[in-house]
């Protein structure tokens, strides 16, 4: 993101006022390349999150093989949560 904005000559401001220096020269071609890469990686990351959630639900609801329960903290009768077993 920082490189993409630098290539587009946009200011990069973080924490409400700290302006970061440009790390790449201004270039429309480079900005387009970085934008496309950023978009592809964002979709890939989102797809991985969906796949992970789907796999967790598959283990919990379909296979019922204990994998989900082994990873999820378990509440006890006194309200405390136990860490997963190793």
Foldseek 3Di string as FASTA:
>chain_A
DLQLCLLCVHWDDPPVHDTDDHPDHHDPVVNVVVVVVVVVVVVVVVVVVVVVVVVLCCCVPPVVPCPNVQCDWDADPVGDTDHHDD
